[in-house]
């Protein structure tokens, strides 16, 4: 009888651990979707890339230059990358969900407006927007932040 009770308790404990693990993984997926940048001229699609989160430019208010050619990554510090098309450009890589702090951390954010890549973190605020911060030299306080709004 004790063995059955012990088995039930062990089974219940394993079940609770599995549910807890899946709940944390699900919280990380809350960031998946399409987000409008503050200037309202671009949308970023955040998606799962393996066990991390990435983002790419999925819409531009102005896809083409005045001459009809596709907008390129002309500000990139690496001259060999300046011919990349902005639409579809992967600008976020390697974000991991930190369940304790409810943040996505350890990723990088590329800013095509200045051609630079920054360390970054993101968090979903109470109003459902994303607070996004890009920073340099590993110092979270040394950088620029902005707010993205969900559009899907």
Protein backbone atom coordinates (compact mmCIF):
# COMPACT_ATOMS: atom_id res chain seq x y z
CA UNK A 1 0.00 0.00 0.00
CA UNK A 2 2.83 2.41 0.88
CA UNK A 3 4.51 1.62 -2.46
CA UNK A 4 1.34 2.59 -4.36
CA UNK A 5 1.03 5.85 -2.41
CA UNK A 6 4.71 6.61 -2.96
CA UNK A 7 4.33 5.83 -6.70
CA UNK A 8 1.28 8.14 -6.95
CA UNK A 9 3.17 10.93 -5.19
CA UNK A 10 6.19 10.51 -7.43
CA UNK A 11 3.97 10.42 -10.54
CA UNK A 12 2.20 13.61 -9.39
CA UNK A 13 5.52 15.37 -8.73
CA UNK A 14 6.91 14.46 -12.17
CA UNK A 15 3.66 15.62 -13.79
CA UNK A 16 3.80 18.97 -11.98
CA UNK A 17 7.43 19.50 -13.01
CA UNK A 18 6.57 18.83 -16.65
CA UNK A 19 3.61 21.24 -16.58
CA UNK A 20 5.78 23.90 -14.92
CA UNK A 21 8.48 23.51 -17.55
CA UNK A 22 5.98 23.84 -20.38
CA UNK A 23 4.38 26.89 -18.73
CA UNK A 24 7.74 28.69 -18.66
CA UNK A 25 8.43 27.80 -22.29
CA UNK A 26 4.98 29.10 -23.24
CA UNK A 27 5.62 32.43 -21.50
CA UNK A 28 8.65 32.95 -23.72
CA UNK A 29 6.51 32.49 -26.81
CA UNK A 30 4.35 35.51 -25.85
CA UNK A 31 6.75 37.68 -27.82
CA UNK A 32 6.13 35.82 -31.08
CA UNK A 33 4.19 37.94 -33.56
CA UNK A 34 4.41 41.10 -35.64
CA UNK A 35 5.32 44.42 -34.05
CA UNK A 36 5.23 48.03 -35.31
CA UNK A 37 8.31 50.16 -34.60
CA UNK A 38 7.78 53.63 -33.03
CA UNK A 39 8.28 55.49 -36.33
CA UNK A 40 5.40 53.42 -37.77
CA UNK A 41 7.35 52.86 -40.99
CA UNK A 42 8.33 49.23 -40.43
CA UNK A 43 7.05 46.02 -38.85
CA UNK A 44 9.21 43.33 -37.29
CA UNK A 45 8.14 39.69 -37.15
CA UNK A 46 9.51 37.96 -34.06
CA UNK A 47 9.71 34.20 -34.39
CA UNK A 48 11.29 31.16 -32.79
CA UNK A 49 14.70 30.17 -34.18
CA UNK A 50 15.59 26.90 -32.49
CA UNK A 51 15.20 27.47 -28.76
CA UNK A 52 15.81 31.23 -29.10
CA UNK A 53 13.96 34.18 -30.60
CA UNK A 54 14.82 36.17 -33.72
CA UNK A 55 13.18 38.96 -35.70
CA UNK A 56 13.09 40.18 -39.29
CA UNK A 57 11.66 43.19 -41.08
CA UNK A 58 8.39 41.95 -42.53
CA UNK A 59 6.85 45.21 -43.82
CA UNK A 60 8.10 48.63 -44.84
CA UNK A 61 5.98 51.69 -45.47
CA UNK A 62 8.39 52.49 -48.28
CA UNK A 63 9.88 49.29 -49.76
CA UNK A 64 11.52 51.01 -52.70
CA UNK A 65 13.65 54.07 -53.34
CA UNK A 66 12.31 56.88 -55.50
CA UNK A 67 13.85 55.23 -58.58
CA UNK A 68 11.88 52.02 -57.92
CA UNK A 69 14.81 49.93 -56.69
CA UNK A 70 14.52 48.00 -53.44
CA UNK A 71 15.85 49.79 -50.35
CA UNK A 72 19.24 48.39 -49.37
CA UNK A 73 21.22 48.21 -46.15
CA UNK A 74 23.39 51.16 -47.21
CA UNK A 75 24.34 52.25 -43.68
CA UNK A 76 25.88 48.91 -42.68
CA UNK A 77 29.36 49.30 -41.18
CA UNK A 78 30.41 46.22 -43.18
CA UNK A 79 30.63 47.38 -46.81
CA UNK A 80 30.13 43.81 -48.08
CA UNK A 81 26.62 43.79 -46.56
CA UNK A 82 25.38 47.07 -47.99
CA UNK A 83 23.69 45.39 -50.95
CA UNK A 84 21.23 43.47 -48.71
CA UNK A 85 17.56 44.32 -49.15
CA UNK A 86 15.99 45.86 -46.02
CA UNK A 87 12.67 44.02 -46.43
CA UNK A 88 13.16 40.54 -44.98
CA UNK A 89 16.38 41.52 -43.22
CA UNK A 90 17.02 39.61 -40.00
CA UNK A 91 17.60 42.31 -37.34
CA UNK A 92 17.24 40.33 -34.09
CA UNK A 93 19.17 37.19 -33.17
CA UNK A 94 19.78 34.90 -30.23
CA UNK A 95 17.30 36.15 -27.64
CA UNK A 96 16.67 33.76 -24.74
CA UNK A 97 13.70 33.95 -22.40
CA UNK A 98 14.60 34.54 -18.75
CA UNK A 99 11.52 33.35 -16.85
CA UNK A 100 12.70 34.79 -13.52
CA UNK A 101 12.94 38.34 -14.87
CA UNK A 102 10.31 37.89 -17.62
CA UNK A 103 12.75 39.28 -20.18
CA UNK A 104 14.29 38.16 -23.45
CA UNK A 105 18.05 38.60 -23.06
CA UNK A 106 21.48 37.83 -24.53
CA UNK A 107 20.46 38.74 -28.06
CA UNK A 108 21.59 41.28 -30.61
CA UNK A 109 19.61 43.96 -32.43
CA UNK A 110 20.74 45.40 -35.75
CA UNK A 111 19.67 48.97 -36.47
CA UNK A 112 19.55 49.50 -40.23
CA UNK A 113 19.12 53.25 -39.68
CA UNK A 114 22.68 53.58 -38.34
CA UNK A 115 24.17 50.28 -39.56
CA UNK A 116 25.21 49.10 -36.10
CA UNK A 117 24.51 45.97 -34.06
CA UNK A 118 23.76 46.28 -30.36
CA UNK A 119 23.35 43.91 -27.44
CA UNK A 120 19.74 43.94 -26.39
CA UNK A 121 16.92 42.86 -24.18
CA UNK A 122 13.14 43.00 -24.45
CA UNK A 123 10.21 42.78 -22.10
CA UNK A 124 6.46 42.85 -22.57
CA UNK A 125 4.92 45.66 -20.55
CA UNK A 126 1.56 45.58 -18.78
CA UNK A 127 -0.12 47.37 -21.72
CA UNK A 128 1.07 44.61 -24.10
CA UNK A 129 3.77 46.67 -25.82
CA UNK A 130 7.41 45.61 -26.02
CA UNK A 131 10.03 47.67 -24.24
CA UNK A 132 13.17 47.10 -26.31
CA UNK A 133 16.64 48.33 -25.40
CA UNK A 134 19.80 48.18 -27.44
CA UNK A 135 23.02 48.88 -25.57
CA UNK A 136 26.80 48.80 -25.93
CA UNK A 137 29.81 47.57 -23.95
CA UNK A 138 27.61 45.20 -21.91
CA UNK A 139 26.10 48.13 -20.01
CA UNK A 140 22.31 48.06 -20.09
CA UNK A 141 22.08 51.69 -19.06
CA UNK A 142 24.23 52.81 -22.00
CA UNK A 143 22.00 52.66 -25.03
CA UNK A 144 18.67 53.52 -26.57
CA UNK A 145 15.22 52.15 -25.86
CA UNK A 146 11.93 52.26 -27.68
CA UNK A 147 8.46 50.78 -27.60
CA UNK A 148 7.04 48.39 -30.18
CA UNK A 149 3.30 47.77 -30.56
CA UNK A 150 1.74 44.43 -31.55
CA UNK A 151 -0.10 44.55 -34.87
CA UNK A 152 -1.41 40.99 -35.20
